[in-house]
Amino acid sequence: MEITLRILCLLVGYLLGSFLTAECIARRLTGRSARDLGSGNPGMANIMATLGKGPGFAVLAGDVAKTVLACGLCWLLAAPVLGHTALLYAGAGAVSGHNYSLWHKGWGGKGVAVTCTWLILYLPVTGRSEERRVGKDGSPAGPAYHDT
């Protein structure tokens, strides 16, 4: 059961990550592929440089949204069994899908926004387990660290 959920999270992440927001925005606004604009990279920086701030931020929002959706779906589906590991697999799938898009024959973006979003979603979950080991002032907490 656990291995099936891990594979499912990877697949969900990959399929959602394969949706290249920059490609959709470029085609909608110019009728051309993001590959044909500026640096040819389907990312926020290229779209912002060639089409402006609005379309660039729309690409960023789309990349963040697809990563949040992938991690959220996998959290709902697999967290009872996998815990926060579900986010690892969903995020890895989303980054892989973005970088090697199924719909674009393995061609994708650099994955900067997707990776950053994934890390922001994942690290607070693991960071909570560390709260018990660190005092409110940032010093180590617990009996071994207190002066007597």
Protein backbone atom coordinates (compact mmCIF):
# COMPACT_ATOMS: atom_id res chain seq x y z
CA MET A 1 0.00 0.00 0.00
CA GLU A 2 2.78 2.41 0.91
CA ILE A 3 4.70 1.95 -2.33
CA THR A 4 1.49 2.41 -4.34
CA LEU A 5 0.83 5.74 -2.60
CA ARG A 6 4.39 6.89 -3.22
CA ILE A 7 4.06 6.12 -6.93
CA LEU A 8 0.65 7.80 -7.02
CA CYS A 9 2.10 10.96 -5.45
CA LEU A 10 4.94 11.00 -7.96
CA LEU A 11 2.48 10.61 -10.85
CA VAL A 12 0.09 13.27 -9.57
CA GLY A 13 3.01 15.67 -9.11
CA TYR A 14 4.47 14.84 -12.51
CA LEU A 15 1.21 15.31 -14.39
CA LEU A 16 0.41 18.62 -12.69
CA GLY A 17 4.03 19.77 -13.00
CA SER A 18 3.99 19.04 -16.72
CA PHE A 19 1.51 21.87 -17.25
CA LEU A 20 3.78 24.71 -18.37
CA THR A 21 2.12 27.97 -17.38
CA ALA A 22 4.57 30.06 -19.42
CA GLU A 23 3.69 28.14 -22.55
CA CYS A 24 -0.03 28.79 -22.06
CA ILE A 25 0.48 32.51 -21.37
CA ALA A 26 2.85 32.94 -24.31
CA ARG A 27 0.44 31.22 -26.71
CA ARG A 28 -2.54 33.16 -25.39
CA LEU A 29 -0.86 36.56 -25.68
CA THR A 30 1.29 36.12 -28.78
CA GLY A 31 0.08 32.98 -30.52
CA ARG A 32 3.66 31.68 -30.31
CA SER A 33 5.43 29.16 -28.12
CA ALA A 34 7.53 30.32 -25.16
CA ARG A 35 10.43 28.62 -26.97
CA ASP A 36 10.16 31.27 -29.68
CA LEU A 37 10.33 34.20 -27.25
CA GLY A 38 13.45 35.75 -25.73
CA SER A 39 15.73 33.10 -24.23
CA GLY A 40 13.37 30.28 -25.19
CA ASN A 41 12.95 29.17 -21.59
CA PRO A 42 9.35 28.68 -20.42
CA GLY A 43 9.82 30.55 -17.18
CA MET A 44 8.80 33.68 -15.38
CA ALA A 45 11.99 35.62 -16.16
CA ASN A 46 11.75 35.06 -19.90
CA ILE A 47 8.04 35.86 -20.05
CA MET A 48 8.49 38.95 -17.88
CA ALA A 49 11.39 40.16 -20.03
CA THR A 50 9.54 39.66 -23.29
CA LEU A 51 5.87 40.24 -22.40
CA GLY A 52 5.95 42.36 -19.25
CA LYS A 53 5.46 42.14 -15.50
CA GLY A 54 1.80 41.08 -15.57
CA PRO A 55 2.32 37.97 -17.69
CA GLY A 56 5.51 37.19 -15.76
CA PHE A 57 3.71 37.24 -12.42
CA ALA A 58 0.90 35.18 -13.95
CA VAL A 59 3.48 32.51 -14.83
CA LEU A 60 4.83 32.62 -11.28
CA ALA A 61 1.30 32.29 -9.86
CA GLY A 62 0.57 29.33 -12.14
CA ASP A 63 3.78 27.55 -11.19
CA VAL A 64 3.11 28.10 -7.49
CA ALA A 65 -0.52 26.99 -7.87
CA LYS A 66 0.30 23.73 -9.66
CA THR A 67 2.85 22.82 -6.99
CA VAL A 68 0.45 23.65 -4.15
CA LEU A 69 -2.27 21.63 -5.88
CA ALA A 70 -0.01 18.60 -6.35
CA CYS A 71 1.23 18.68 -2.76
CA GLY A 72 -2.26 19.38 -1.40
CA LEU A 73 -3.87 16.52 -3.29
CA CYS A 74 -1.20 14.08 -2.22
CA TRP A 75 -1.40 15.30 1.36
CA LEU A 76 -5.14 14.61 1.37
CA LEU A 77 -4.78 11.23 -0.33
CA ALA A 78 -1.66 9.81 1.25
CA ALA A 79 -0.81 11.66 4.47
CA PRO A 80 -2.65 9.18 6.72
CA VAL A 81 -0.20 6.49 5.55
CA LEU A 82 2.89 8.40 4.38
CA GLY A 83 2.79 11.49 6.58
CA HIS A 84 4.88 14.39 5.29
CA THR A 85 6.68 11.99 2.94
CA ALA A 86 3.67 12.46 0.65
CA LEU A 87 4.84 16.05 0.10
CA LEU A 88 8.32 14.86 -0.83
CA TYR A 89 7.00 12.57 -3.55
CA ALA A 90 4.43 15.06 -4.85
CA GLY A 91 7.01 17.85 -4.98
CA ALA A 92 9.63 15.67 -6.65
CA GLY A 93 7.02 14.71 -9.23
CA ALA A 94 6.03 18.33 -9.81
CA VAL A 95 9.63 19.44 -10.30
CA SER A 96 10.31 16.51 -12.64
CA GLY A 97 7.16 17.22 -14.61
CA HIS A 98 8.01 20.89 -14.93
CA ASN A 99 11.60 20.23 -16.00
CA TYR A 100 10.80 17.29 -18.32
CA SER A 101 7.24 17.96 -19.45
CA LEU A 102 5.32 15.02 -20.87
CA TRP A 103 3.27 17.32 -23.11
CA HIS A 104 6.38 18.93 -24.63
CA LYS A 105 8.43 15.79 -25.34
CA GLY A 106 10.69 16.11 -22.32
CA TRP A 107 11.33 19.83 -22.78
CA GLY A 108 10.45 22.05 -19.83
CA GLY A 109 11.52 24.87 -17.61
CA LYS A 110 14.30 25.20 -15.07
CA GLY A 111 11.98 24.54 -12.14
CA VAL A 112 13.07 27.42 -9.91
CA ALA A 113 9.59 28.57 -8.81
CA VAL A 114 8.30 25.00 -8.52
CA THR A 115 11.28 23.89 -6.42
CA CYS A 116 11.07 26.94 -4.14
CA THR A 117 7.34 26.41 -3.62
CA TRP A 118 7.89 22.74 -2.86
CA LEU A 119 10.55 23.54 -0.27
CA ILE A 120 8.39 26.19 1.37
CA LEU A 121 5.53 23.68 1.62
CA TYR A 122 7.70 20.84 2.88
CA LEU A 123 10.05 22.51 5.34
CA PRO A 124 7.43 23.94 7.73
CA VAL A 125 6.03 20.42 8.14
CA THR A 126 9.39 18.99 9.20
CA GLY A 127 10.31 22.13 11.10
CA ARG A 128 7.46 21.58 13.53
CA SER A 129 9.13 18.46 14.90
CA GLU A 130 12.17 20.61 15.70
CA GLU A 131 10.16 23.12 17.74
CA ARG A 132 10.36 20.89 20.79
CA ARG A 133 14.17 20.85 20.65
CA VAL A 134 14.69 24.61 20.42
CA GLY A 135 13.69 27.11 23.07
CA LYS A 136 11.75 30.27 22.29
CA ASP A 137 14.95 32.32 22.33
CA GLY A 138 16.56 29.98 19.76
CA SER A 139 18.78 28.20 22.27
CA PRO A 140 18.68 24.42 22.59
CA ALA A 141 15.94 23.29 24.97
CA GLY A 142 15.61 20.23 27.14
CA PRO A 143 17.18 18.93 30.33
CA ALA A 144 20.60 18.28 28.77
CA TYR A 145 21.00 21.94 27.80
CA HIS A 146 19.86 23.78 30.92
CA ASP A 147 22.30 25.09 33.51
CA THR A 148 21.77 23.69 36.99
